[in-house]
Amino acid sequence: MVSKKATQLFHRYFADWIEVYKVNAVRKVTLNKYYMSLQWLRKLAPELKLSELNRRTYQKLINDYAIEHEKQTTMDFHHQIKSAILDALDEGVIKQNPTRKVTIKGKTPRKKKPKYLSQTDLQLLLRQLRLENELNWDWFILLIAKTGLRFAEGLALTPNDFDFHTQMLTVNKTWNYRSAVGGFQPTKNTSSVRKVQLDWQTAMQFSQLIKNHENEQPIFVEGRVFNSTINHRLEILCDQAHVPIISVHGLRHTHASLLLFAGVSIATVAQRLGHSSMTTTQKTYLHIIAELEAQDSQKIMHQMATLM
């Protein structure tokens, strides 16, 4: 006999599940992704009931979503929906797992923009910066390139976060640039709270730039800040330098890739970037790590050949 709850529309169950398990438990940006999945669920399967969930109906739902989305986005949608379904299974609302052996499809990915610059290209880019006597977005770009901070972490920096004696930068908050009122908010995760070493030149430059700023006020934020503003400035600089156009987040990738190519350990790079685990770093920079492993293999063979 089918329970009354099992006859509930699936998108309504998913909406209730979000309210119970995700509201006030995840960051706002993550919560918005769940609500976006809910909108697609309502659009693609408005009449689908929990009791009607099986491998075929679930596969159709994923296939319909994949028509308008790339494979990775479809995978993210699947993971969110699957989490709710597994809870329904645990609660005994449904009797089988319809997500088992699902096939993930998706549109052909668009040609991706470069995620990071080579060391030579980064040097060409930095030479284009207009580093004036007062802070501007070019100084922000320089700081992100040299520290690998996330965009919101860089916006939240205050004079109190700089320790010029030890050349350390404390990262313990972010700036809510998506909100019209702004304001400080927590870091992405607990691992994001960290100290980042500054090179002596950057430390010296910023010690002069921020000496007259209020200690607890963000040094870069004056009014509403848009990610697109800094990305547009960066695009102009990339054009002037004749290097591939990257985003501000691409500067973070550039910072990490340069460290890895320089032989810095994955553990140290993960800690500097504020990743929750080395696994995140390994997945993000898998192509670089594979290239380094190939170079290591060549070094090993060369070393072994010298033994005879």
Protein backbone atom coordinates (compact mmCIF):
# COMPACT_ATOMS: atom_id res chain seq x y z
CA MET A 1 0.00 0.00 0.00
CA VAL A 2 1.34 3.41 -1.00
CA SER A 3 1.66 5.82 1.92
CA LYS A 4 -0.05 9.21 1.82
CA LYS A 5 3.33 10.94 1.84
CA ALA A 6 4.43 8.95 -1.19
CA THR A 7 1.59 10.45 -3.22
CA GLN A 8 3.02 13.91 -2.59
CA LEU A 9 4.39 15.76 -5.61
CA PHE A 10 8.13 15.27 -5.72
CA HIS A 11 8.96 18.96 -6.16
CA ARG A 12 6.93 19.74 -3.00
CA TYR A 13 8.85 17.11 -1.06
CA PHE A 14 12.11 18.60 -2.36
CA ALA A 15 11.00 22.10 -1.30
CA ASP A 16 10.19 20.86 2.22
CA TRP A 17 13.50 18.97 2.32
CA ILE A 18 15.41 22.17 1.53
CA GLU A 19 13.65 24.02 4.34
CA VAL A 20 14.35 21.26 6.87
CA TYR A 21 17.93 20.30 5.98
CA LYS A 22 19.51 23.23 4.11
CA VAL A 23 18.11 26.54 5.36
CA ASN A 24 20.53 28.00 7.95
CA ALA A 25 22.82 25.01 7.41
CA VAL A 26 24.60 26.04 4.20
CA ARG A 27 25.89 29.32 2.80
CA LYS A 28 23.42 31.55 0.98
CA VAL A 29 25.12 30.98 -2.38
CA THR A 30 24.79 27.19 -1.90
CA LEU A 31 21.18 27.52 -0.76
CA ASN A 32 20.39 29.50 -3.91
CA LYS A 33 21.69 26.59 -5.99
CA TYR A 34 19.23 24.26 -4.24
CA TYR A 35 16.41 26.70 -4.97
CA MET A 36 17.51 26.83 -8.61
CA SER A 37 17.32 23.02 -8.75
CA LEU A 38 13.83 23.26 -7.25
CA GLN A 39 12.75 25.64 -10.03
CA TRP A 40 13.99 23.19 -12.66
CA LEU A 41 12.27 20.31 -10.89
CA ARG A 42 8.97 22.19 -10.99
CA LYS A 43 9.50 23.00 -14.67
CA LEU A 44 10.55 19.52 -15.83
CA ALA A 45 8.40 17.31 -13.61
CA PRO A 46 5.46 19.33 -12.26
CA GLU A 47 3.20 16.29 -11.85
CA LEU A 48 5.76 13.67 -10.77
CA LYS A 49 4.87 12.04 -7.45
CA LEU A 50 7.25 10.38 -5.03
CA SER A 51 5.46 7.07 -5.59
CA GLU A 52 6.18 7.37 -9.33
CA LEU A 53 9.94 7.66 -8.88
CA ASN A 54 11.77 4.76 -10.45
CA ARG A 55 14.90 4.37 -12.55
CA ARG A 56 13.07 5.21 -15.76
CA THR A 57 11.27 8.35 -14.52
CA TYR A 58 14.40 9.57 -12.76
CA GLN A 59 16.55 8.99 -15.85
CA LYS A 60 14.01 10.94 -17.92
CA LEU A 61 14.21 13.82 -15.44
CA ILE A 62 18.00 13.90 -15.70
CA ASN A 63 17.87 13.58 -19.50
CA ASP A 64 15.44 16.50 -19.77
CA TYR A 65 17.68 18.65 -17.58
CA ALA A 66 20.73 17.67 -19.65
CA ILE A 67 19.16 19.03 -22.85
CA GLU A 68 19.90 22.59 -21.72
CA HIS A 69 22.92 22.04 -19.48
CA GLU A 70 26.49 20.82 -19.74
CA LYS A 71 27.44 17.47 -18.21
CA GLN A 72 29.07 18.89 -15.06
CA THR A 73 26.05 21.10 -14.33
CA THR A 74 23.78 18.09 -14.85
CA MET A 75 25.94 16.12 -12.41
CA ASP A 76 25.55 18.88 -9.80
CA PHE A 77 21.75 18.86 -10.28
CA HIS A 78 21.72 15.06 -9.92
CA HIS A 79 23.71 15.19 -6.67
CA GLN A 80 21.30 17.69 -5.10
CA ILE A 81 18.16 15.82 -6.13
CA LYS A 82 19.70 12.47 -5.16
CA SER A 83 20.40 13.71 -1.61
CA ALA A 84 16.70 14.36 -1.06
CA ILE A 85 15.72 11.04 -2.62
CA LEU A 86 18.08 9.09 -0.36
CA ASP A 87 16.52 10.77 2.66
CA ALA A 88 13.07 9.78 1.38
CA LEU A 89 14.42 6.22 1.10
CA ASP A 90 15.73 6.33 4.68
CA GLU A 91 12.38 7.62 5.89
CA GLY A 92 10.60 4.70 4.19
CA VAL A 93 8.60 7.04 1.95
CA ILE A 94 9.92 5.21 -1.13
CA LYS A 95 11.06 1.59 -1.29
CA GLN A 96 13.87 1.69 -3.85
CA ASN A 97 16.68 3.99 -4.93
CA PRO A 98 15.74 5.29 -8.41
CA THR A 99 19.08 7.09 -8.82
CA ARG A 100 21.09 3.85 -9.01
CA LYS A 101 23.14 3.50 -12.21
CA VAL A 102 21.86 6.78 -13.61
CA THR A 103 23.50 7.96 -16.84
CA ILE A 104 24.65 11.58 -16.82
CA LYS A 105 24.44 13.38 -20.15
CA GLY A 106 24.81 17.02 -21.16
CA LYS A 107 25.33 19.55 -23.89
CA THR A 108 28.71 19.80 -25.56
CA PRO A 109 30.76 22.11 -23.32
CA ARG A 110 31.44 25.58 -24.59
CA LYS A 111 35.02 26.42 -25.37
CA LYS A 112 36.50 27.22 -22.01
CA LYS A 113 38.44 30.39 -21.35
CA PRO A 114 41.96 29.87 -19.98
CA LYS A 115 41.82 29.34 -16.23
CA TYR A 116 45.30 30.55 -15.47
CA LEU A 117 48.32 32.30 -16.93
CA SER A 118 51.86 31.11 -17.30
CA GLN A 119 54.53 32.85 -15.23
CA THR A 120 55.68 34.80 -18.30
CA ASP A 121 52.14 35.96 -19.12
CA LEU A 122 51.50 36.93 -15.50
CA GLN A 123 54.65 39.05 -15.47
CA LEU A 124 53.51 40.76 -18.68
CA LEU A 125 50.12 41.41 -17.10
CA LEU A 126 51.53 42.85 -13.88
CA ARG A 127 53.68 45.28 -15.85
CA GLN A 128 50.47 46.88 -17.12
CA LEU A 129 49.19 47.70 -13.63
CA ARG A 130 48.76 51.34 -12.70
CA LEU A 131 49.98 51.18 -9.11
CA GLU A 132 49.31 54.67 -7.82
CA ASN A 133 49.96 56.19 -4.40
CA GLU A 134 46.43 55.32 -3.30
CA LEU A 135 44.64 51.99 -3.42
CA ASN A 136 42.81 51.15 -6.63
CA TRP A 137 41.63 47.96 -8.32
CA ASP A 138 45.06 47.41 -9.86
CA TRP A 139 46.47 47.04 -6.34
CA PHE A 140 43.67 44.55 -5.63
CA ILE A 141 44.62 42.56 -8.75
CA LEU A 142 48.27 42.52 -7.66
CA LEU A 143 47.37 41.30 -4.16
CA ILE A 144 45.15 38.47 -5.46
CA ALA A 145 47.88 37.38 -7.88
CA LYS A 146 50.43 37.27 -5.07
CA THR A 147 48.28 35.61 -2.39
CA GLY A 148 45.69 33.47 -4.22
CA LEU A 149 42.86 34.89 -2.11
CA ARG A 150 39.26 34.45 -3.21
CA PHE A 151 37.55 37.59 -4.54
CA ALA A 152 35.31 38.02 -1.47
CA GLU A 153 38.25 37.37 0.89
CA GLY A 154 40.26 40.14 -0.75
CA LEU A 155 37.37 42.59 -0.47
CA ALA A 156 37.02 41.91 3.26
CA LEU A 157 40.64 42.80 4.14
CA THR A 158 41.11 45.51 6.75
CA PRO A 159 44.33 47.08 8.14
CA ASN A 160 43.94 44.83 11.19
CA ASP A 161 44.47 41.80 8.95
CA PHE A 162 48.01 42.85 8.02
CA ASP A 163 50.94 42.04 10.30
CA PHE A 164 53.89 43.75 8.67
CA HIS A 165 56.39 42.55 11.28
CA THR A 166 55.83 38.91 10.38
CA GLN A 167 54.66 39.67 6.81
CA MET A 168 51.47 37.72 7.49
CA LEU A 169 47.97 38.34 6.20
CA THR A 170 45.07 36.99 8.27
CA VAL A 171 42.04 35.70 6.33
CA ASN A 172 39.06 35.21 8.63
CA LYS A 173 36.05 36.73 6.84
CA THR A 174 34.61 37.61 3.44
CA TRP A 175 32.68 40.57 2.04
CA ASN A 176 29.09 40.05 0.94
CA TYR A 177 29.45 41.82 -2.42
CA ARG A 178 26.32 40.14 -3.80
CA SER A 179 24.19 42.15 -1.39
CA ALA A 180 23.39 45.83 -1.97
CA VAL A 181 24.22 46.58 1.66
CA GLY A 182 27.46 44.57 1.70
CA GLY A 183 28.93 43.66 5.08
CA PHE A 184 31.29 41.06 6.50
CA GLN A 185 30.32 37.39 6.49
CA PRO A 186 32.02 34.08 7.38
CA THR A 187 34.59 32.39 5.17
CA LYS A 188 33.61 29.62 2.75
CA ASN A 189 34.58 26.95 5.30
CA THR A 190 36.61 26.59 8.49
CA SER A 191 39.72 25.72 6.49
CA SER A 192 39.46 29.09 4.76
CA VAL A 193 40.42 30.81 8.02
CA ARG A 194 44.18 31.01 7.65
CA LYS A 195 47.33 33.11 7.58
CA VAL A 196 48.99 33.84 4.24
CA GLN A 197 52.64 34.85 4.00
CA LEU A 198 53.36 38.03 2.03
CA ASP A 199 56.57 38.68 0.15
CA TRP A 200 58.60 41.58 1.58
CA GLN A 201 57.92 43.91 -1.36
CA THR A 202 54.13 43.53 -1.17
CA ALA A 203 54.21 43.91 2.62
CA MET A 204 56.24 47.12 2.33
CA GLN A 205 53.95 48.55 -0.35
CA PHE A 206 50.75 47.88 1.58
CA SER A 207 52.19 49.17 4.85
CA GLN A 208 52.34 52.59 3.19
CA LEU A 209 49.06 52.33 1.31
CA ILE A 210 46.86 51.51 4.32
CA LYS A 211 48.56 53.47 7.11
CA ASN A 212 45.80 56.09 7.16
CA HIS A 213 42.86 53.69 6.84
CA GLU A 214 40.54 52.85 9.73
CA ASN A 215 41.71 49.60 11.30
CA GLU A 216 38.42 47.72 11.08
CA GLN A 217 37.16 49.01 7.73
CA PRO A 218 37.74 47.20 4.40
CA ILE A 219 40.56 48.82 2.46
CA PHE A 220 39.15 48.22 -1.02
CA VAL A 221 35.40 48.65 -0.58
CA GLU A 222 33.78 52.03 -1.13
CA GLY A 223 30.08 51.59 -1.84
CA ARG A 224 28.67 48.72 -3.90
CA VAL A 225 31.25 46.42 -5.49
CA PHE A 226 30.58 44.27 -8.54
CA ASN A 227 32.67 41.31 -9.62
CA SER A 228 32.17 42.42 -13.23
CA THR A 229 33.88 45.76 -12.56
CA ILE A 230 37.17 44.16 -11.57
CA ASN A 231 36.91 41.50 -14.29
CA HIS A 232 36.43 44.24 -16.88
CA ARG A 233 39.52 46.05 -15.63
CA LEU A 234 41.44 42.78 -15.74
CA GLU A 235 40.25 42.15 -19.31
CA ILE A 236 41.63 45.55 -20.38
CA LEU A 237 44.97 44.78 -18.73
CA CYS A 238 45.16 41.35 -20.39
CA ASP A 239 44.47 42.95 -23.77
CA GLN A 240 47.18 45.52 -23.19
CA ALA A 241 49.63 42.79 -22.20
CA HIS A 242 48.61 40.58 -25.18
CA VAL A 243 47.95 37.61 -22.90
CA PRO A 244 44.87 35.34 -22.59
CA ILE A 245 41.94 36.99 -20.83
CA ILE A 246 41.25 35.51 -17.41
CA SER A 247 38.96 36.40 -14.52
CA VAL A 248 39.89 37.51 -11.02
CA HIS A 249 39.30 33.91 -9.93
CA GLY A 250 41.73 32.96 -12.69
CA LEU A 251 44.40 34.89 -10.78
CA ARG A 252 43.82 32.50 -7.87
CA HIS A 253 44.30 29.55 -10.23
CA THR A 254 47.41 31.22 -11.65
CA HIS A 255 48.85 31.65 -8.16
CA ALA A 256 48.28 27.98 -7.32
CA SER A 257 49.63 26.69 -10.62
CA LEU A 258 52.85 28.72 -10.29
CA LEU A 259 53.40 27.32 -6.79
CA LEU A 260 52.86 23.74 -7.98
CA PHE A 261 55.21 24.17 -10.94
CA ALA A 262 57.77 25.67 -8.54
CA GLY A 263 57.72 22.43 -6.53
CA VAL A 264 55.61 23.59 -3.58
CA SER A 265 53.84 20.62 -2.00
CA ILE A 266 50.13 20.02 -2.57
CA ALA A 267 49.56 20.20 1.19
CA THR A 268 51.12 23.66 1.41
CA VAL A 269 49.20 24.93 -1.63
CA ALA A 270 45.94 23.59 -0.16
CA GLN A 271 46.60 25.38 3.13
CA ARG A 272 47.54 28.65 1.39
CA LEU A 273 44.37 28.58 -0.75
CA GLY A 274 42.14 27.65 2.19
CA HIS A 275 40.91 24.40 0.64
CA SER A 276 38.98 22.08 2.93
CA SER A 277 41.28 19.19 1.98
CA MET A 278 44.15 18.27 -0.31
CA THR A 279 41.62 16.31 -2.38
CA THR A 280 40.04 19.58 -3.47
CA THR A 281 43.44 20.86 -4.58
CA GLN A 282 44.24 17.63 -6.40
CA LYS A 283 40.92 17.64 -8.28
CA THR A 284 41.19 21.31 -9.21
CA TYR A 285 44.76 21.08 -10.48
CA LEU A 286 44.75 17.49 -11.73
CA HIS A 287 46.15 18.47 -15.15
CA ILE A 288 49.10 20.30 -13.55
CA ILE A 289 49.80 17.47 -11.11
CA ALA A 290 49.76 14.94 -13.97
CA GLU A 291 52.27 17.06 -15.88
CA LEU A 292 54.52 17.29 -12.83
CA GLU A 293 54.30 13.53 -12.29
CA ALA A 294 55.42 12.99 -15.88
CA GLN A 295 58.40 15.25 -15.26
CA ASP A 296 59.18 13.33 -12.05
CA SER A 297 59.13 10.04 -13.97
CA GLN A 298 61.70 11.43 -16.38
CA LYS A 299 63.87 12.58 -13.48
CA ILE A 300 63.64 9.13 -11.85
CA MET A 301 64.64 7.34 -15.05
CA HIS A 302 67.54 9.75 -15.58
CA GLN A 303 68.71 9.21 -12.00
CA MET A 304 68.47 5.43 -12.31
CA ALA A 305 70.41 5.49 -15.59
CA THR A 306 73.33 7.19 -13.85
CA LEU A 307 73.75 4.30 -11.41
CA MET A 308 75.52 2.09 -13.95
